[in-house]
Amino acid sequence: MEINEELLGTVVELTSTWGLKVLGAIAVLVVGRIVCGMIRKGTRRALARASLDESLIPFLANLVYYISFAVVLIAVLNLFGIQTASVIAVLGAASLAVGLAMQGTLSNFSAGVMLLVFRPFRVDDFVDLAGHAGSVKEVGIFSTVLHTTDNVKIIIPNSRIFGDIVKNYSANDTRRNDFLVGISYDDDIGSAIEAIQSILSQDSRVLADPASLVAVSGLGDSSVDIVVRAWCATPDYWPLRFDLTRRFKEGLEAAGCSIPYPQRDVHVHSPDRAA
């Protein structure tokens, strides 16, 4: 009988001491989880209104959720009188160790976040990244995928991209096509320039503003060099370049001009003949 009374007393003491704390901890966990979920939903809506990249929104929203829930867990530990300073120190040391072990991965991740936030290029843009040119097919958290013009898939780590020069050929609405056309020294320069200007004026893809430029740029070893600069819409760049290259040759030949081959005069000196 005395044993039962002692056991009952112990149960009553434990219940009075820890019962309210356990109930309080459960309540904090339940309410905290609900609040963290609401914070995550609010973060999603705020990031969506900010027009942030869709692939980045879930990650940032979940990151906010887990940080908030970590705060809730620390509050629960405080209810039981556990010293949370040591727990936080252990978590900090573990995070540092993991960070050092995953230094390369984390650098790719941070670079991917910056690329998704600042958007130096988008999907389907034609770019030159880390020495590789191609169309962007995917911008991920850790890497970016390109397809080259000959349909080769290239995966580039984001850390290689964000710390390097990025050339985006699709970013602007217009581009300039530059040509260097050589004619013979015996040809009439005025006729050649007139023929080139006529070809440019007949192509609707050549923009009137900015105006095209046709001018003599230099006197080469074998030819008079004429520079041609024609502006066009970015999607028309390569089709226009291919077409104009052919038309310049045909137009100059029709105008009586020639595109000379490199020439070199060779003078032979014979010592016997001189003697």
C-alpha atoms as a PDB file:
ATOM      1  CA  MET A   1       0.000   0.000   0.000  1.00  0.00           C
ATOM      2  CA  GLU A   2       2.852   2.307   0.853  1.00  0.00           C
ATOM      3  CA  ILE A   3       4.498   1.504  -2.504  1.00  0.00           C
ATOM      4  CA  ASN A   4       1.325   2.451  -4.390  1.00  0.00           C
ATOM      5  CA  GLU A   5       1.068   5.680  -2.483  1.00  0.00           C
ATOM      6  CA  GLU A   6       4.703   6.523  -3.262  1.00  0.00           C
ATOM      7  CA  LEU A   7       4.193   5.678  -6.943  1.00  0.00           C
ATOM      8  CA  LEU A   8       1.037   7.747  -7.052  1.00  0.00           C
ATOM      9  CA  GLY A   9       2.836  10.613  -5.400  1.00  0.00           C
ATOM     10  CA  THR A  10       5.665  10.396  -7.918  1.00  0.00           C
ATOM     11  CA  VAL A  11       3.199  10.398 -10.838  1.00  0.00           C
ATOM     12  CA  VAL A  12       1.364  13.367  -9.403  1.00  0.00           C
ATOM     13  CA  GLU A  13       4.633  15.226  -8.886  1.00  0.00           C
ATOM     14  CA  LEU A  14       5.858  14.499 -12.430  1.00  0.00           C
ATOM     15  CA  THR A  15       2.493  15.459 -13.860  1.00  0.00           C
ATOM     16  CA  SER A  16       2.385  18.716 -11.969  1.00  0.00           C
ATOM     17  CA  THR A  17       5.994  19.488 -12.890  1.00  0.00           C
ATOM     18  CA  TRP A  18       6.134  18.461 -16.564  1.00  0.00           C
ATOM     19  CA  GLY A  19       2.517  18.077 -17.601  1.00  0.00           C
ATOM     20  CA  LEU A  20       1.898  21.743 -18.256  1.00  0.00           C
ATOM     21  CA  LYS A  21       5.274  22.053 -19.977  1.00  0.00           C
ATOM     22  CA  VAL A  22       4.500  19.135 -22.287  1.00  0.00           C
ATOM     23  CA  LEU A  23       1.073  20.533 -23.113  1.00  0.00           C
ATOM     24  CA  GLY A  24       2.627  23.950 -23.672  1.00  0.00           C
ATOM     25  CA  ALA A  25       5.286  22.465 -25.948  1.00  0.00           C
ATOM     26  CA  ILE A  26       2.657  20.631 -27.998  1.00  0.00           C
ATOM     27  CA  ALA A  27       0.622  23.811 -28.283  1.00  0.00           C
ATOM     28  CA  VAL A  28       3.668  25.818 -29.339  1.00  0.00           C
ATOM     29  CA  LEU A  29       4.570  23.185 -31.964  1.00  0.00           C
ATOM     30  CA  VAL A  30       1.054  23.076 -33.399  1.00  0.00           C
ATOM     31  CA  VAL A  31       0.545  26.830 -33.453  1.00  0.00           C
ATOM     32  CA  GLY A  32       4.125  27.443 -34.616  1.00  0.00           C
ATOM     33  CA  ARG A  33       3.753  25.040 -37.523  1.00  0.00           C
ATOM     34  CA  ILE A  34       0.530  26.728 -38.597  1.00  0.00           C
ATOM     35  CA  VAL A  35       2.152  30.157 -38.382  1.00  0.00           C
ATOM     36  CA  CYS A  36       5.226  28.951 -40.320  1.00  0.00           C
ATOM     37  CA  GLY A  37       2.944  27.584 -43.023  1.00  0.00           C
ATOM     38  CA  MET A  38       1.191  30.944 -43.257  1.00  0.00           C
ATOM     39  CA  ILE A  39       4.565  32.682 -43.494  1.00  0.00           C
ATOM     40  CA  ARG A  40       5.588  30.332 -46.322  1.00  0.00           C
ATOM     41  CA  LYS A  41       2.379  31.056 -48.260  1.00  0.00           C
ATOM     42  CA  GLY A  42       2.807  34.785 -47.727  1.00  0.00           C
ATOM     43  CA  THR A  43       6.405  34.568 -48.939  1.00  0.00           C
ATOM     44  CA  ARG A  44       5.275  32.731 -52.100  1.00  0.00           C
ATOM     45  CA  ARG A  45       2.678  35.398 -52.863  1.00  0.00           C
ATOM     46  CA  ALA A  46       5.133  38.237 -52.232  1.00  0.00           C
ATOM     47  CA  LEU A  47       7.807  36.701 -54.464  1.00  0.00           C
ATOM     48  CA  ALA A  48       5.241  36.003 -57.193  1.00  0.00           C
ATOM     49  CA  ARG A  49       4.122  39.648 -57.109  1.00  0.00           C
ATOM     50  CA  ALA A  50       7.776  40.660 -57.415  1.00  0.00           C
ATOM     51  CA  SER A  51       7.953  38.656 -60.700  1.00  0.00           C
ATOM     52  CA  LEU A  52      10.792  36.499 -59.395  1.00  0.00           C
ATOM     53  CA  ASP A  53      11.793  33.410 -61.356  1.00  0.00           C
ATOM     54  CA  GLU A  54       9.355  30.532 -60.797  1.00  0.00           C
ATOM     55  CA  SER A  55      12.135  28.017 -60.127  1.00  0.00           C
ATOM     56  CA  LEU A  56      13.475  30.207 -57.297  1.00  0.00           C
ATOM     57  CA  ILE A  57      10.167  30.936 -55.515  1.00  0.00           C
ATOM     58  CA  PRO A  58       9.618  27.444 -53.969  1.00  0.00           C
ATOM     59  CA  PHE A  59      13.201  27.279 -52.701  1.00  0.00           C
ATOM     60  CA  LEU A  60      13.116  30.682 -51.009  1.00  0.00           C
ATOM     61  CA  ALA A  61       9.652  30.030 -49.558  1.00  0.00           C
ATOM     62  CA  ASN A  62      10.772  26.693 -48.087  1.00  0.00           C
ATOM     63  CA  LEU A  63      13.954  28.288 -46.761  1.00  0.00           C
ATOM     64  CA  VAL A  64      11.891  30.874 -44.873  1.00  0.00           C
ATOM     65  CA  TYR A  65       9.624  28.095 -43.565  1.00  0.00           C
ATOM     66  CA  TYR A  66      12.464  25.991 -42.147  1.00  0.00           C
ATOM     67  CA  ILE A  67      14.176  28.991 -40.557  1.00  0.00           C
ATOM     68  CA  SER A  68      10.880  29.959 -38.894  1.00  0.00           C
ATOM     69  CA  PHE A  69      10.290  26.390 -37.707  1.00  0.00           C
ATOM     70  CA  ALA A  70      13.820  26.271 -36.265  1.00  0.00           C
ATOM     71  CA  VAL A  71      12.900  29.290 -34.140  1.00  0.00           C
ATOM     72  CA  VAL A  72       9.785  27.411 -32.959  1.00  0.00           C
ATOM     73  CA  LEU A  73      11.881  24.379 -31.957  1.00  0.00           C
ATOM     74  CA  ILE A  74      14.265  26.582 -29.982  1.00  0.00           C
ATOM     75  CA  ALA A  75      11.261  28.067 -28.147  1.00  0.00           C
ATOM     76  CA  VAL A  76      10.052  24.535 -27.293  1.00  0.00           C
ATOM     77  CA  LEU A  77      13.464  23.627 -25.889  1.00  0.00           C
ATOM     78  CA  ASN A  78      13.370  26.758 -23.725  1.00  0.00           C
ATOM     79  CA  LEU A  79      10.108  25.551 -22.192  1.00  0.00           C
ATOM     80  CA  PHE A  80      11.926  22.486 -20.848  1.00  0.00           C
ATOM     81  CA  GLY A  81      14.797  24.564 -19.497  1.00  0.00           C
ATOM     82  CA  ILE A  82      17.326  23.292 -22.021  1.00  0.00           C
ATOM     83  CA  GLN A  83      20.195  25.678 -22.688  1.00  0.00           C
ATOM     84  CA  THR A  84      19.692  26.575 -26.334  1.00  0.00           C
ATOM     85  CA  ALA A  85      22.960  28.516 -26.603  1.00  0.00           C
ATOM     86  CA  SER A  86      24.949  25.289 -26.743  1.00  0.00           C
ATOM     87  CA  VAL A  87      22.498  23.809 -29.273  1.00  0.00           C
ATOM     88  CA  ILE A  88      22.838  26.864 -31.495  1.00  0.00           C
ATOM     89  CA  ALA A  89      26.639  26.655 -31.214  1.00  0.00           C
ATOM     90  CA  VAL A  90      26.591  22.995 -32.260  1.00  0.00           C
ATOM     91  CA  LEU A  91      24.296  23.773 -35.204  1.00  0.00           C
ATOM     92  CA  GLY A  92      26.581  26.639 -36.220  1.00  0.00           C
ATOM     93  CA  ALA A  93      29.668  24.430 -36.119  1.00  0.00           C
ATOM     94  CA  ALA A  94      27.888  21.734 -38.112  1.00  0.00           C
ATOM     95  CA  SER A  95      26.761  24.291 -40.676  1.00  0.00           C
ATOM     96  CA  LEU A  96      30.330  25.573 -41.012  1.00  0.00           C
ATOM     97  CA  ALA A  97      31.669  22.057 -41.552  1.00  0.00           C
ATOM     98  CA  VAL A  98      29.010  21.290 -44.149  1.00  0.00           C
ATOM     99  CA  GLY A  99      29.682  24.611 -45.863  1.00  0.00           C
ATOM    100  CA  LEU A 100      33.408  23.921 -46.135  1.00  0.00           C
ATOM    101  CA  ALA A 101      32.767  20.413 -47.453  1.00  0.00           C
ATOM    102  CA  MET A 102      30.308  21.693 -50.069  1.00  0.00           C
ATOM    103  CA  GLN A 103      32.159  24.870 -50.990  1.00  0.00           C
ATOM    104  CA  GLY A 104      32.028  24.244 -54.748  1.00  0.00           C
ATOM    105  CA  THR A 105      28.359  23.259 -54.691  1.00  0.00           C
ATOM    106  CA  LEU A 106      27.408  26.255 -52.577  1.00  0.00           C
ATOM    107  CA  SER A 107      29.291  28.626 -54.899  1.00  0.00           C
ATOM    108  CA  ASN A 108      27.320  27.217 -57.832  1.00  0.00           C
ATOM    109  CA  PHE A 109      24.126  27.614 -55.830  1.00  0.00           C
ATOM    110  CA  SER A 110      24.791  31.229 -54.835  1.00  0.00           C
ATOM    111  CA  ALA A 111      25.759  32.066 -58.421  1.00  0.00           C
ATOM    112  CA  GLY A 112      22.543  30.422 -59.639  1.00  0.00           C
ATOM    113  CA  VAL A 113      20.478  32.535 -57.250  1.00  0.00           C
ATOM    114  CA  MET A 114      22.176  35.699 -58.521  1.00  0.00           C
ATOM    115  CA  LEU A 115      21.574  34.690 -62.153  1.00  0.00           C
ATOM    116  CA  LEU A 116      17.893  34.049 -61.471  1.00  0.00           C
ATOM    117  CA  VAL A 117      17.503  37.354 -59.616  1.00  0.00           C
ATOM    118  CA  PHE A 118      19.411  39.687 -61.966  1.00  0.00           C
ATOM    119  CA  ARG A 119      18.561  37.843 -65.204  1.00  0.00           C
ATOM    120  CA  PRO A 120      21.536  38.679 -67.498  1.00  0.00           C
ATOM    121  CA  PHE A 121      19.975  36.201 -69.942  1.00  0.00           C
ATOM    122  CA  ARG A 122      16.773  34.212 -70.351  1.00  0.00           C
ATOM    123  CA  VAL A 123      15.694  30.919 -71.863  1.00  0.00           C
ATOM    124  CA  ASP A 124      16.067  30.868 -75.687  1.00  0.00           C
ATOM    125  CA  ASP A 125      18.586  33.742 -75.686  1.00  0.00           C
ATOM    126  CA  PHE A 126      21.694  33.178 -77.795  1.00  0.00           C
ATOM    127  CA  VAL A 127      24.659  33.809 -75.512  1.00  0.00           C
ATOM    128  CA  ASP A 128      28.373  33.276 -75.067  1.00  0.00           C
ATOM    129  CA  LEU A 129      29.070  31.883 -71.569  1.00  0.00           C
ATOM    130  CA  ALA A 130      32.460  30.738 -70.268  1.00  0.00           C
ATOM    131  CA  GLY A 131      33.768  30.439 -73.819  1.00  0.00           C
ATOM    132  CA  HIS A 132      30.765  28.478 -75.143  1.00  0.00           C
ATOM    133  CA  ALA A 133      28.138  29.935 -77.504  1.00  0.00           C
ATOM    134  CA  GLY A 134      24.616  28.575 -77.830  1.00  0.00           C
ATOM    135  CA  SER A 135      20.933  28.986 -77.030  1.00  0.00           C
ATOM    136  CA  VAL A 136      19.915  28.896 -73.360  1.00  0.00           C
ATOM    137  CA  LYS A 137      17.603  25.962 -72.654  1.00  0.00           C
ATOM    138  CA  GLU A 138      17.585  25.927 -68.862  1.00  0.00           C
ATOM    139  CA  VAL A 139      18.778  28.172 -66.039  1.00  0.00           C
ATOM    140  CA  GLY A 140      18.961  26.017 -62.913  1.00  0.00           C
ATOM    141  CA  ILE A 141      20.044  26.566 -59.345  1.00  0.00           C
ATOM    142  CA  PHE A 142      23.407  24.836 -59.854  1.00  0.00           C
ATOM    143  CA  SER A 143      24.050  24.901 -63.624  1.00  0.00           C
ATOM    144  CA  THR A 144      22.941  26.374 -66.944  1.00  0.00           C
ATOM    145  CA  VAL A 145      22.221  24.281 -70.049  1.00  0.00           C
ATOM    146  CA  LEU A 146      23.115  25.475 -73.559  1.00  0.00           C
ATOM    147  CA  HIS A 147      22.423  23.965 -76.971  1.00  0.00           C
ATOM    148  CA  THR A 148      25.032  24.918 -79.561  1.00  0.00           C
ATOM    149  CA  THR A 149      24.234  25.685 -83.193  1.00  0.00           C
ATOM    150  CA  ASP A 150      25.229  22.112 -84.129  1.00  0.00           C
ATOM    151  CA  ASN A 151      22.869  20.765 -81.413  1.00  0.00           C
ATOM    152  CA  VAL A 152      25.422  19.826 -78.750  1.00  0.00           C
ATOM    153  CA  LYS A 153      24.195  20.033 -75.160  1.00  0.00           C
ATOM    154  CA  ILE A 154      26.583  21.889 -72.839  1.00  0.00           C
ATOM    155  CA  ILE A 155      26.125  22.071 -69.047  1.00  0.00           C
ATOM    156  CA  ILE A 156      28.046  24.927 -67.414  1.00  0.00           C
ATOM    157  CA  PRO A 157      28.376  25.352 -63.615  1.00  0.00           C
ATOM    158  CA  ASN A 158      26.846  28.654 -62.554  1.00  0.00           C
ATOM    159  CA  SER A 159      29.980  29.745 -60.694  1.00  0.00           C
ATOM    160  CA  ARG A 160      31.839  29.715 -64.033  1.00  0.00           C
ATOM    161  CA  ILE A 161      29.207  32.015 -65.530  1.00  0.00           C
ATOM    162  CA  PHE A 162      28.559  34.615 -62.833  1.00  0.00           C
ATOM    163  CA  GLY A 163      32.251  35.421 -62.382  1.00  0.00           C
ATOM    164  CA  ASP A 164      32.953  35.682 -66.109  1.00  0.00           C
ATOM    165  CA  ILE A 165      31.980  37.908 -69.049  1.00  0.00           C
ATOM    166  CA  VAL A 166      28.497  37.217 -70.432  1.00  0.00           C
ATOM    167  CA  LYS A 167      27.721  38.050 -74.071  1.00  0.00           C
ATOM    168  CA  ASN A 168      23.986  38.102 -74.781  1.00  0.00           C
ATOM    169  CA  TYR A 169      23.354  38.418 -78.521  1.00  0.00           C
ATOM    170  CA  SER A 170      19.562  38.397 -78.052  1.00  0.00           C
ATOM    171  CA  ALA A 171      19.272  41.085 -75.389  1.00  0.00           C
ATOM    172  CA  ASN A 172      18.852  44.070 -77.744  1.00  0.00           C
ATOM    173  CA  ASP A 173      16.165  44.463 -80.394  1.00  0.00           C
ATOM    174  CA  THR A 174      18.635  45.435 -83.138  1.00  0.00           C
ATOM    175  CA  ARG A 175      22.121  44.401 -84.244  1.00  0.00           C
ATOM    176  CA  ARG A 176      24.656  45.704 -86.755  1.00  0.00           C
ATOM    177  CA  ASN A 177      26.030  43.629 -89.598  1.00  0.00           C
ATOM    178  CA  ASP A 178      29.600  44.598 -90.517  1.00  0.00           C
ATOM    179  CA  PHE A 179      31.141  43.703 -93.892  1.00  0.00           C
ATOM    180  CA  LEU A 180      34.532  44.414 -95.421  1.00  0.00           C
ATOM    181  CA  VAL A 181      34.342  44.376 -99.234  1.00  0.00           C
ATOM    182  CA  GLY A 182      37.477  44.682-101.366  1.00  0.00           C
ATOM    183  CA  ILE A 183      37.541  45.979-104.954  1.00  0.00           C
ATOM    184  CA  SER A 184      40.385  46.304-107.427  1.00  0.00           C
ATOM    185  CA  TYR A 185      42.484  49.453-107.630  1.00  0.00           C
ATOM    186  CA  ASP A 186      41.375  49.718-111.282  1.00  0.00           C
ATOM    187  CA  ASP A 187      37.650  49.792-110.367  1.00  0.00           C
ATOM    188  CA  ASP A 188      35.593  52.950-109.918  1.00  0.00           C
ATOM    189  CA  ILE A 189      34.992  53.487-106.198  1.00  0.00           C
ATOM    190  CA  GLY A 190      31.857  55.578-106.771  1.00  0.00           C
ATOM    191  CA  SER A 191      30.237  52.818-108.837  1.00  0.00           C
ATOM    192  CA  ALA A 192      31.055  50.223-106.198  1.00  0.00           C
ATOM    193  CA  ILE A 193      29.571  52.322-103.361  1.00  0.00           C
ATOM    194  CA  GLU A 194      26.468  53.080-105.446  1.00  0.00           C
ATOM    195  CA  ALA A 195      25.971  49.356-106.163  1.00  0.00           C
ATOM    196  CA  ILE A 196      26.282  48.459-102.482  1.00  0.00           C
ATOM    197  CA  GLN A 197      23.861  51.211-101.395  1.00  0.00           C
ATOM    198  CA  SER A 198      21.356  50.035-104.003  1.00  0.00           C
ATOM    199  CA  ILE A 199      21.512  46.491-102.625  1.00  0.00           C
ATOM    200  CA  LEU A 200      20.944  47.758 -99.071  1.00  0.00           C
ATOM    201  CA  SER A 201      17.995  49.957-100.068  1.00  0.00           C
ATOM    202  CA  GLN A 202      16.252  47.048-101.807  1.00  0.00           C
ATOM    203  CA  ASP A 203      16.286  44.811 -98.730  1.00  0.00           C
ATOM    204  CA  SER A 204      13.419  45.556 -96.338  1.00  0.00           C
ATOM    205  CA  ARG A 205      15.280  43.940 -93.441  1.00  0.00           C
ATOM    206  CA  VAL A 206      17.899  46.723 -93.467  1.00  0.00           C
ATOM    207  CA  LEU A 207      16.724  49.428 -91.063  1.00  0.00           C
ATOM    208  CA  ALA A 208      16.580  53.078 -92.119  1.00  0.00           C
ATOM    209  CA  ASP A 209      17.314  54.198 -88.556  1.00  0.00           C
ATOM    210  CA  PRO A 210      20.134  53.893 -87.641  1.00  0.00           C
ATOM    211  CA  ALA A 211      21.280  54.638 -91.167  1.00  0.00           C
ATOM    212  CA  SER A 212      23.627  52.270 -92.976  1.00  0.00           C
ATOM    213  CA  LEU A 213      27.238  53.251 -93.582  1.00  0.00           C
ATOM    214  CA  VAL A 214      29.200  52.577 -96.777  1.00  0.00           C
ATOM    215  CA  ALA A 215      32.689  54.101 -96.874  1.00  0.00           C
ATOM    216  CA  VAL A 216      36.279  53.449 -97.910  1.00  0.00           C
ATOM    217  CA  SER A 217      38.050  52.148 -94.817  1.00  0.00           C
ATOM    218  CA  GLY A 218      41.552  51.453 -96.120  1.00  0.00           C
ATOM    219  CA  LEU A 219      43.938  50.814 -98.959  1.00  0.00           C
ATOM    220  CA  GLY A 220      45.079  47.235 -98.717  1.00  0.00           C
ATOM    221  CA  ASP A 221      47.960  45.416-100.401  1.00  0.00           C
ATOM    222  CA  SER A 222      45.717  44.057-103.147  1.00  0.00           C
ATOM    223  CA  SER A 223      42.400  45.892-102.844  1.00  0.00           C
ATOM    224  CA  VAL A 224      40.563  49.048-101.911  1.00  0.00           C
ATOM    225  CA  ASP A 225      38.628  48.108 -98.767  1.00  0.00           C
ATOM    226  CA  ILE A 226      35.038  49.323 -98.372  1.00  0.00           C
ATOM    227  CA  VAL A 227      33.342  48.938 -94.986  1.00  0.00           C
ATOM    228  CA  VAL A 228      29.591  48.305 -94.908  1.00  0.00           C
ATOM    229  CA  ARG A 229      27.573  48.637 -91.695  1.00  0.00           C
ATOM    230  CA  ALA A 230      23.882  47.750 -91.901  1.00  0.00           C
ATOM    231  CA  TRP A 231      21.442  47.600 -88.972  1.00  0.00           C
ATOM    232  CA  CYS A 232      18.671  45.035 -88.722  1.00  0.00           C
ATOM    233  CA  ALA A 233      16.335  43.375 -86.215  1.00  0.00           C
ATOM    234  CA  THR A 234      18.131  40.800 -84.083  1.00  0.00           C
ATOM    235  CA  PRO A 235      16.249  37.762 -85.500  1.00  0.00           C
ATOM    236  CA  ASP A 236      17.236  38.863 -89.043  1.00  0.00           C
ATOM    237  CA  TYR A 237      20.962  39.078 -88.315  1.00  0.00           C
ATOM    238  CA  TRP A 238      22.204  35.792 -89.782  1.00  0.00           C
ATOM    239  CA  PRO A 239      19.714  35.466 -92.700  1.00  0.00           C
ATOM    240  CA  LEU A 240      20.518  39.031 -93.747  1.00  0.00           C
ATOM    241  CA  ARG A 241      24.261  38.460 -93.447  1.00  0.00           C
ATOM    242  CA  PHE A 242      24.172  35.387 -95.656  1.00  0.00           C
ATOM    243  CA  ASP A 243      21.992  37.090 -98.298  1.00  0.00           C
ATOM    244  CA  LEU A 244      23.993  40.332 -98.424  1.00  0.00           C
ATOM    245  CA  THR A 245      27.300  38.498 -98.766  1.00  0.00           C
ATOM    246  CA  ARG A 246      26.068  36.877-101.966  1.00  0.00           C
ATOM    247  CA  ARG A 247      24.352  39.999-103.312  1.00  0.00           C
ATOM    248  CA  PHE A 248      27.431  42.173-102.787  1.00  0.00           C
ATOM    249  CA  LYS A 249      29.487  39.858-105.001  1.00  0.00           C
ATOM    250  CA  GLU A 250      26.827  39.645-107.701  1.00  0.00           C
ATOM    251  CA  GLY A 251      26.063  43.389-107.566  1.00  0.00           C
ATOM    252  CA  LEU A 252      29.698  44.455-107.760  1.00  0.00           C
ATOM    253  CA  GLU A 253      30.323  42.162-110.715  1.00  0.00           C
ATOM    254  CA  ALA A 254      27.241  43.568-112.473  1.00  0.00           C
ATOM    255  CA  ALA A 255      28.590  47.098-111.876  1.00  0.00           C
ATOM    256  CA  GLY A 256      31.865  46.144-113.568  1.00  0.00           C
ATOM    257  CA  CYS A 257      33.885  45.825-110.364  1.00  0.00           C
ATOM    258  CA  SER A 258      35.995  42.869-109.345  1.00  0.00           C
ATOM    259  CA  ILE A 259      36.966  41.364-106.025  1.00  0.00           C
ATOM    260  CA  PRO A 260      40.709  40.780-106.432  1.00  0.00           C
ATOM    261  CA  TYR A 261      42.736  37.893-105.112  1.00  0.00           C
ATOM    262  CA  PRO A 262      45.733  38.716-102.949  1.00  0.00           C
ATOM    263  CA  GLN A 263      48.597  39.536-105.307  1.00  0.00           C
ATOM    264  CA  ARG A 264      52.354  39.801-104.873  1.00  0.00           C
ATOM    265  CA  ASP A 265      54.933  40.960-107.397  1.00  0.00           C
ATOM    266  CA  VAL A 266      58.079  38.834-107.529  1.00  0.00           C
ATOM    267  CA  HIS A 267      61.250  40.292-109.068  1.00  0.00           C
ATOM    268  CA  VAL A 268      63.934  37.751-110.033  1.00  0.00           C
ATOM    269  CA  HIS A 269      67.487  38.987-110.024  1.00  0.00           C
ATOM    270  CA  SER A 270      70.012  36.911-111.976  1.00  0.00           C
ATOM    271  CA  PRO A 271      73.679  37.589-111.105  1.00  0.00           C
ATOM    272  CA  ASP A 272      74.928  35.982-114.365  1.00  0.00           C
ATOM    273  CA  ARG A 273      72.742  38.200-116.542  1.00  0.00           C
ATOM    274  CA  ALA A 274      73.839  41.294-114.672  1.00  0.00           C
ATOM    275  CA  ALA A 275      77.501  40.383-115.239  1.00  0.00           C
END
